């Protein structure tokens, strides 16, 4: 059903109907974005996402059951870039897809490197290193970090981060940016990065600050 709806949007589509087939296709081919349902036969979408993040940073939009906050939160913690709750308007899905693809294309057309403390961010390759070692970041995590680096020491609102990283306005009671920040902090901490650090500004947003 989704393939039939998305085909007129000038998107090249490839559908798989279970997790094992999807993972195999992702290993063998090149794709720009993955739409991943949680309710799949056999291996569910969360299990697929966990395995996927072991070898790919492809942007992922998850489809979650209405009201299933635990699935949404787990999806983001496992590395999903965005989520849509069921039932949903297909036009919203199209808008989310185009926002993520546009974000990736814009980043690729703005080459440059930025170095802050132990971090080096390469906008051309969309790679981040810490002490010379590569960090595995999702596309959303990369965009959040880039947004914070662009405003060193300044507070970036959650709304700004949502528009920059997800290509959409922040929704009421939407904690996805906070979950992405938590994941990003965890990866920086595991890499031993203390400078710079991500500091929260209660009720406002986040900022990147050097070690005191």
Protein backbone atom coordinates (compact mmCIF):
# COMPACT_ATOMS: atom_id res chain seq x y z
CA UNK A 1 0.00 0.00 0.00
CA UNK A 2 2.79 2.42 0.88
CA UNK A 3 4.69 1.55 -2.28
CA UNK A 4 1.64 2.36 -4.39
CA UNK A 5 1.22 5.70 -2.64
CA UNK A 6 4.89 6.70 -2.78
CA UNK A 7 5.59 5.67 -6.36
CA UNK A 8 4.04 8.84 -7.91
CA UNK A 9 6.36 10.94 -5.67
CA UNK A 10 9.31 10.18 -7.99
CA UNK A 11 10.94 7.88 -5.44
CA UNK A 12 12.67 4.67 -6.45
CA UNK A 13 11.24 2.04 -4.13
CA UNK A 14 12.17 -1.45 -3.05
CA UNK A 15 9.90 -3.34 -0.67
CA UNK A 16 10.61 -6.29 1.61
CA UNK A 17 7.99 -7.93 3.78
CA UNK A 18 10.04 -9.29 6.66
CA UNK A 19 13.08 -8.22 8.61
CA UNK A 20 15.50 -10.84 7.33
CA UNK A 21 14.84 -9.93 3.69
CA UNK A 22 15.13 -6.23 4.50
CA UNK A 23 18.50 -6.59 6.20
CA UNK A 24 19.84 -8.69 3.32
CA UNK A 25 18.72 -6.08 0.77
CA UNK A 26 20.38 -3.31 2.77
CA UNK A 27 23.65 -5.23 2.88
CA UNK A 28 23.63 -5.87 -0.86
CA UNK A 29 22.35 -2.55 -2.25
CA UNK A 30 22.57 1.21 -1.82
CA UNK A 31 19.60 3.05 -0.34
CA UNK A 32 19.11 6.64 0.83
CA UNK A 33 16.42 6.01 3.44
CA UNK A 34 14.57 3.18 5.17
CA UNK A 35 10.90 3.15 6.23
CA UNK A 36 10.68 0.49 8.92
CA UNK A 37 7.50 -0.88 10.45
CA UNK A 38 7.73 -2.33 13.94
CA UNK A 39 5.00 -4.92 13.36
CA UNK A 40 6.77 -7.41 11.08
CA UNK A 41 6.49 -11.19 10.83
CA UNK A 42 9.32 -13.02 12.57
CA UNK A 43 11.99 -10.45 13.44
CA UNK A 44 10.26 -7.22 14.50
CA UNK A 45 11.30 -3.74 13.42
CA UNK A 46 13.21 -2.97 16.63
CA UNK A 47 15.33 -6.10 16.19
CA UNK A 48 15.95 -5.15 12.56
CA UNK A 49 17.06 -1.66 13.64
CA UNK A 50 19.46 -3.05 16.24
CA UNK A 51 21.16 -5.25 13.67
CA UNK A 52 21.11 -2.54 11.01
CA UNK A 53 23.00 -0.07 13.19
CA UNK A 54 25.83 -2.57 13.39
CA UNK A 55 26.74 -1.92 9.75
CA UNK A 56 24.85 1.12 8.44
CA UNK A 57 23.91 4.70 9.36
CA UNK A 58 21.14 4.95 6.74
CA UNK A 59 18.36 7.34 7.89
CA UNK A 60 15.41 5.40 9.33
CA UNK A 61 11.79 6.50 9.75
CA UNK A 62 9.89 4.08 11.97
CA UNK A 63 6.17 3.38 11.85
CA UNK A 64 4.85 2.74 15.36
CA UNK A 65 1.48 1.73 16.76
CA UNK A 66 -0.61 4.61 18.03
CA UNK A 67 0.06 5.35 21.70
CA UNK A 68 2.96 2.90 21.96
CA UNK A 69 5.40 5.33 23.56
CA UNK A 70 7.74 2.52 24.56
CA UNK A 71 8.20 1.49 20.91
CA UNK A 72 8.84 5.09 19.90
CA UNK A 73 11.41 5.65 22.64
CA UNK A 74 13.16 2.33 22.00
CA UNK A 75 13.26 3.07 18.29
CA UNK A 76 15.01 6.38 18.88
CA UNK A 77 17.39 4.83 21.41
CA UNK A 78 18.27 2.09 18.94
CA UNK A 79 19.16 4.69 16.31
CA UNK A 80 16.01 5.65 14.38
CA UNK A 81 16.07 9.18 12.97
CA UNK A 82 12.35 9.86 13.20
CA UNK A 83 9.05 8.10 13.78
CA UNK A 84 5.42 8.34 12.72
CA UNK A 85 2.57 6.96 14.83
CA UNK A 86 -0.20 4.89 13.29
CA UNK A 87 -2.72 5.69 11.97
CA UNK A 88 -0.99 8.41 9.96
CA UNK A 89 -1.60 10.66 7.00
CA UNK A 90 0.46 9.40 4.02
CA UNK A 91 1.15 13.01 3.07
CA UNK A 92 2.94 13.46 6.39
CA UNK A 93 5.13 10.46 5.62
CA UNK A 94 6.02 11.97 2.23
CA UNK A 95 6.90 15.27 3.93
CA UNK A 96 9.15 13.49 6.45
CA UNK A 97 10.89 11.51 3.70
CA UNK A 98 11.57 14.60 1.60
CA UNK A 99 12.79 16.57 4.63
CA UNK A 100 15.37 13.91 5.50
CA UNK A 101 16.51 13.48 1.89
CA UNK A 102 16.77 17.26 1.47
CA UNK A 103 18.81 17.50 4.66
CA UNK A 104 21.27 14.89 3.41
CA UNK A 105 21.62 16.53 -0.01
CA UNK A 106 22.15 19.97 1.53
CA UNK A 107 24.86 18.67 3.83
CA UNK A 108 26.65 16.98 0.96
CA UNK A 109 26.77 20.25 -0.98
CA UNK A 110 28.43 22.18 1.86
CA UNK A 111 31.95 20.74 2.24
CA UNK A 112 34.12 21.75 5.13
CA UNK A 113 35.71 20.55 8.34
CA UNK A 114 35.14 21.85 11.82
CA UNK A 115 37.34 21.01 14.81
CA UNK A 116 36.18 21.58 18.37
CA UNK A 117 38.22 20.09 21.18
CA UNK A 118 38.64 16.38 20.55
CA UNK A 119 36.02 16.36 17.79
CA UNK A 120 36.49 16.79 14.06
CA UNK A 121 33.37 17.00 11.90
CA UNK A 122 33.65 16.62 8.12
CA UNK A 123 30.56 17.97 6.37
CA UNK A 124 31.56 16.53 2.99
CA UNK A 125 31.84 12.92 4.11
CA UNK A 126 29.43 13.34 7.07
CA UNK A 127 31.99 11.67 9.33
CA UNK A 128 32.90 12.61 12.90
CA UNK A 129 36.09 11.55 14.65
CA UNK A 130 37.10 11.77 18.31
CA UNK A 131 40.83 11.67 19.03
CA UNK A 132 41.22 10.47 15.44
CA UNK A 133 38.84 7.52 15.84
CA UNK A 134 35.59 7.41 13.85
CA UNK A 135 32.30 7.79 15.70
CA UNK A 136 29.27 5.92 14.36
CA UNK A 137 26.54 8.56 14.37
CA UNK A 138 23.12 8.42 12.78
CA UNK A 139 22.19 11.16 10.32
CA UNK A 140 20.10 12.89 12.96
CA UNK A 141 22.88 12.76 15.54
CA UNK A 142 25.29 14.20 12.98
CA UNK A 143 22.93 17.09 12.23
CA UNK A 144 22.39 17.85 15.91
CA UNK A 145 26.13 17.89 16.57
CA UNK A 146 26.74 20.08 13.52
CA UNK A 147 24.04 22.51 14.67
CA UNK A 148 25.62 22.76 18.12
CA UNK A 149 29.12 23.19 16.69
CA UNK A 150 27.86 26.01 14.45
CA UNK A 151 26.90 27.92 17.60
CA UNK A 152 29.75 27.22 20.07
CA UNK A 153 28.75 28.15 23.60
CA UNK A 154 25.37 29.43 22.44
CA UNK A 155 22.08 27.79 23.35
CA UNK A 156 20.26 26.10 20.46
CA UNK A 157 16.56 25.63 21.12
CA UNK A 158 14.87 22.25 20.79
CA UNK A 159 12.73 23.76 18.02
CA UNK A 160 15.86 24.79 16.09
CA UNK A 161 17.36 21.35 16.54
CA UNK A 162 14.16 19.69 15.37
CA UNK A 163 14.02 21.79 12.22
CA UNK A 164 17.73 21.30 11.51
CA UNK A 165 17.99 17.60 12.31
CA UNK A 166 14.51 16.32 11.46
CA UNK A 167 13.29 18.90 8.97
CA UNK A 168 10.08 19.56 10.88
CA UNK A 169 8.63 21.68 13.65
CA UNK A 170 8.79 20.31 17.18
CA UNK A 171 5.50 18.67 18.09
CA UNK A 172 3.81 19.11 21.49
CA UNK A 173 5.14 16.63 24.07
CA UNK A 174 7.71 15.44 21.52
CA UNK A 175 10.85 14.24 23.33
CA UNK A 176 12.63 12.84 20.30
CA UNK A 177 15.32 15.55 20.29
CA UNK A 178 16.06 14.84 23.95
CA UNK A 179 16.41 11.14 23.19
CA UNK A 180 18.78 11.85 20.28
CA UNK A 181 20.83 14.15 22.55
CA UNK A 182 21.02 11.40 25.17
CA UNK A 183 22.23 8.92 22.54
CA UNK A 184 24.80 11.41 21.24
CA UNK A 185 26.08 12.13 24.75
CA UNK A 186 26.47 8.40 25.37
CA UNK A 187 28.55 7.94 22.23
CA UNK A 188 30.78 10.89 23.12
CA UNK A 189 31.26 9.63 26.65
CA UNK A 190 32.13 6.11 25.47
CA UNK A 191 34.73 7.68 23.15
CA UNK A 192 36.24 9.51 26.13
CA UNK A 193 35.19 12.98 24.91
CA UNK A 194 34.89 15.57 27.67
CA UNK A 195 35.78 18.60 25.57
CA UNK A 196 33.43 19.77 24.25
CA UNK A 197 30.43 18.58 26.24
CA UNK A 198 26.70 18.92 25.60
CA UNK A 199 25.00 20.94 28.31
CA UNK A 200 21.24 21.30 28.72
CA UNK A 201 19.61 24.66 29.37
CA UNK A 202 16.40 23.80 31.19
CA UNK A 203 13.30 24.84 29.30
CA UNK A 204 15.33 26.29 26.41
CA UNK A 205 17.59 23.81 24.64
CA UNK A 206 21.21 22.65 24.48
CA UNK A 207 24.67 24.06 23.93
CA UNK A 208 28.17 22.79 23.25
CA UNK A 209 30.67 23.93 25.87
CA UNK A 210 34.40 23.30 26.40
CA UNK A 211 35.65 21.44 29.42
CA UNK A 212 35.90 23.69 32.46
